[in-house]
Protein backbone atom coordinates (compact mmCIF):
# COMPACT_ATOMS: atom_id res chain seq x y z
CA MET A 1 -3.83 -7.89 -13.53
CA VAL A 2 -7.19 -8.70 -15.08
CA ASN A 3 -5.25 -11.33 -17.11
CA PHE A 4 -3.47 -12.92 -14.07
CA LEU A 5 -6.34 -12.61 -12.01
CA LYS A 6 -8.41 -14.45 -14.06
CA TYR A 7 -5.41 -17.10 -14.97
CA LYS A 8 -5.76 -17.75 -11.21
CA GLY A 9 -9.17 -18.48 -11.40
CA ILE A 10 -10.40 -15.22 -9.90
CA TYR A 11 -13.97 -13.98 -11.40
CA LYS A 12 -15.11 -11.92 -8.20
CA ILE A 13 -14.04 -9.15 -5.89
CA ASP A 14 -14.89 -8.84 -2.29
CA HIS A 15 -12.60 -6.18 -1.18
CA LEU A 16 -10.97 -3.71 -3.32
CA PHE A 17 -8.97 -0.94 -1.41
CA ILE A 18 -7.94 2.57 -3.19
CA THR A 19 -5.44 3.97 -1.24
CA HIS A 20 -6.02 7.80 -2.84
CA PHE A 21 -7.72 8.74 -6.06
CA HIS A 22 -4.39 9.70 -8.35
CA GLU A 23 -4.34 7.75 -11.66
CA ASP A 24 -1.62 5.41 -10.37
CA HIS A 25 -3.28 4.08 -7.75
CA TYR A 26 -6.80 3.59 -9.28
CA GLY A 27 -6.56 3.95 -12.83
CA GLY A 28 -6.72 0.17 -13.06
CA TYR A 29 -10.09 0.17 -11.66
CA GLU A 30 -12.34 0.32 -14.80
CA LYS A 31 -10.76 -2.67 -16.13
CA LEU A 32 -11.58 -4.56 -12.86
CA LYS A 33 -14.81 -3.21 -12.76
CA LYS A 34 -15.51 -4.41 -16.86
CA ASN A 35 -14.12 -7.91 -15.54
CA PHE A 36 -15.05 -8.89 -12.34
CA LYS A 37 -18.10 -8.12 -10.00
CA ILE A 38 -16.51 -5.87 -7.00
CA LYS A 39 -18.54 -6.46 -3.88
CA ASN A 40 -17.01 -3.57 -1.42
CA ILE A 41 -14.66 -0.67 -2.49
CA TYR A 42 -12.71 1.02 0.20
CA THR A 43 -11.28 4.63 0.09
CA SER A 44 -9.86 7.23 2.77
CA LYS A 45 -12.46 9.85 0.94
CA LYS A 46 -15.56 9.99 -1.18
CA ILE A 47 -15.64 10.32 -4.96
CA ASN A 48 -18.63 10.88 -6.97
CA MET A 49 -17.93 7.87 -9.96
CA ILE A 50 -17.52 5.08 -7.36
CA LYS A 51 -19.67 3.92 -4.90
CA THR A 52 -17.30 3.33 -1.82
CA ILE A 53 -16.75 2.78 1.82
CA ILE A 54 -14.93 5.59 3.51
CA LEU A 55 -12.04 4.42 6.02
CA LYS A 56 -11.05 6.61 8.40
CA SER A 57 -7.80 6.50 10.90
CA GLY A 58 -8.04 4.53 13.76
CA ASN A 59 -10.90 1.90 12.07
CA LYS A 60 -10.26 -1.86 12.45
CA MET A 61 -11.76 -4.52 10.26
CA LYS A 62 -11.64 -8.05 10.40
CA ILE A 63 -12.29 -10.10 7.16
CA GLY A 64 -12.02 -13.84 7.71
CA ASN A 65 -9.14 -14.20 9.21
CA ILE A 66 -7.51 -10.88 8.46
CA ASN A 67 -7.11 -8.04 10.57
CA ILE A 68 -7.08 -4.67 9.28
CA LYS A 69 -6.00 -1.57 10.70
CA VAL A 70 -6.31 1.66 9.14
CA LEU A 71 -3.25 4.20 10.86
CA SER A 72 -3.73 7.05 8.50
CA ALA A 73 -6.64 8.14 6.04
CA ASP A 74 -7.86 11.69 4.73
CA ARG A 75 -6.45 14.15 6.38
CA GLY A 76 -7.38 17.28 4.86
CA ASP A 77 -4.01 17.68 3.72
CA ASP A 78 -2.91 20.07 0.34
CA ASN A 79 -1.08 17.29 -1.07
CA GLU A 80 -3.30 14.55 -1.72
CA ASN A 81 -0.34 11.98 -0.98
CA ASN A 82 -0.67 12.43 2.46
CA ASN A 83 -4.71 12.20 2.65
CA GLY A 84 -4.08 8.56 1.03
CA LEU A 85 -5.05 5.11 3.25
CA VAL A 86 -2.01 3.60 5.25
CA LEU A 87 -3.25 -0.25 5.72
CA GLU A 88 -1.99 -2.13 8.66
CA ILE A 89 -2.54 -6.07 7.69
CA LEU A 90 -2.36 -8.96 10.01
CA ILE A 91 -2.92 -12.65 8.39
CA GLY A 92 -2.00 -14.56 11.02
CA LYS A 93 1.13 -13.62 12.38
CA TYR A 94 2.25 -11.58 9.34
CA LYS A 95 2.43 -8.13 9.44
CA THR A 96 1.88 -6.19 6.11
CA LEU A 97 1.73 -2.26 5.71
CA ILE A 98 0.53 -0.79 2.82
CA MET A 99 1.81 2.63 2.37
CA GLY A 100 0.49 4.30 -0.09
CA ASP A 101 2.24 7.32 -1.74
CA VAL A 102 2.01 9.18 1.83
CA GLU A 103 5.24 11.14 2.83
CA ALA A 104 7.35 11.77 6.20
CA ILE A 105 4.89 13.71 7.73
CA VAL A 106 2.63 10.95 8.20
CA GLU A 107 4.91 8.37 8.44
CA ASN A 108 6.28 10.41 11.65
CA GLU A 109 2.44 10.60 12.76
CA ILE A 110 1.81 6.56 12.25
CA ILE A 111 5.24 5.34 13.97
CA LYS A 112 4.10 5.16 17.47
CA ASN A 113 1.39 2.97 15.99
CA VAL A 114 3.25 0.74 14.57
CA ASP A 115 4.07 -1.89 17.71
CA SER A 116 6.42 -4.48 16.38
CA ASP A 117 8.39 -5.38 13.03
CA VAL A 118 6.75 -5.62 9.93
CA ASP A 119 7.06 -8.86 7.95
CA LEU A 120 6.03 -7.27 4.27
CA LEU A 121 6.38 -3.63 3.48
CA LEU A 122 4.77 -1.95 0.33
CA VAL A 123 7.32 1.37 0.04
CA GLY A 124 5.42 4.67 0.24
CA HIS A 125 5.87 6.77 -2.84
CA HIS A 126 7.03 3.77 -4.87
CA GLY A 127 10.42 4.85 -3.40
CA SER A 128 10.52 8.59 -3.72
CA ASN A 129 12.78 10.27 -1.03
CA THR A 130 9.87 11.88 0.37
CA SER A 131 8.91 9.13 2.02
CA SER A 132 10.55 5.79 3.75
CA THR A 133 12.91 8.01 6.54
CA GLU A 134 15.43 6.33 8.26
CA LYS A 135 13.59 6.98 11.11
CA PHE A 136 10.60 5.26 10.09
CA ILE A 137 12.16 2.33 8.68
CA GLU A 138 14.40 1.46 11.83
CA LYS A 139 11.29 1.46 13.75
CA ILE A 140 9.20 -1.21 11.54
CA LYS A 141 12.66 -3.04 10.43
CA PRO A 142 10.88 -4.79 7.57
CA LYS A 143 11.67 -8.05 6.48
CA ILE A 144 10.94 -7.50 2.56
CA SER A 145 10.02 -4.33 1.11
CA ILE A 146 8.41 -3.71 -2.30
CA LEU A 147 8.70 -1.36 -4.65
CA SER A 148 6.36 -0.91 -7.34
CA PHE A 149 7.57 1.61 -9.85
CA GLY A 150 8.11 0.96 -13.90
CA LYS A 151 11.35 1.19 -15.61
CA ASN A 152 12.79 4.23 -16.56
CA ASN A 153 9.76 6.43 -15.05
CA LYS A 154 10.06 10.42 -15.19
CA PHE A 155 10.24 10.56 -11.87
CA GLY A 156 13.27 8.24 -10.94
CA HIS A 157 11.99 5.87 -8.54
CA PRO A 158 12.87 4.74 -6.75
CA HIS A 159 15.35 7.42 -4.97
CA LYS A 160 19.09 5.76 -3.80
CA GLU A 161 18.58 7.27 -0.77
CA THR A 162 15.14 5.19 -0.15
CA ILE A 163 17.07 2.02 -1.03
CA TYR A 164 20.13 2.82 0.87
CA THR A 165 17.72 2.90 3.70
CA LEU A 166 16.32 -0.27 2.98
CA ASN A 167 19.52 -2.03 2.63
CA LYS A 168 20.81 -0.37 5.97
CA PHE A 169 18.34 -2.42 7.80
CA LYS A 170 18.73 -5.30 5.80
CA SER A 171 15.33 -5.71 3.87
CA LYS A 172 15.13 -7.66 1.08
CA ILE A 173 14.28 -5.71 -1.81
CA LEU A 174 11.60 -6.91 -4.50
CA THR A 175 10.52 -4.31 -7.67
CA THR A 176 7.63 -4.50 -9.85
CA GLN A 177 10.16 -3.63 -12.46
CA ASP A 178 12.01 -7.06 -11.67
CA ASN A 179 9.01 -9.03 -11.03
CA LYS A 180 5.61 -7.93 -12.98
CA ASN A 181 3.48 -10.28 -10.43
CA LEU A 182 4.31 -10.39 -6.73
CA VAL A 183 2.26 -13.03 -5.01
CA PHE A 184 2.68 -13.70 -1.07
CA TYR A 185 1.20 -17.07 0.29
CA PHE A 186 0.65 -16.44 4.49
CA ILE A 187 0.90 -19.84 6.11
């Protein structure tokens, strides 16, 4: 990621969101910190080594022409996956959902707060069968779904149930295994 950002001429990061503190979600932070000036870091809970802005469920932010709504944040759940940030991002008329690693229990809670189809979905928990329930995917109807996972990962991500559900609702599936760096332009 560092090389890609530098190649694109980016040398500072104004806003960095860390969904939760599992290694696969914040492990690249140290490299980013060494290579870029990071102005604001947002998380759902405090961690000692990083100065962060804590977001809570229901928070709304506007950054330039980007509107961000926090659909879920630290719930005090024993399962750390369910304490992560879930963000709804609206850029112009395009809506993106970033699900982190939240599971079905959180999807069921936030489903009432998602009021229209989603253009881009960063699929929850790398396509695990603990997320992306049929009820949830039917409600949000993502046009494009991004699955983030490595080849031959030890968890078997993505699970066939998740792929089946996304295909059932005609979502175009893109993976980080097949497309190392995915860049979207919202125009």
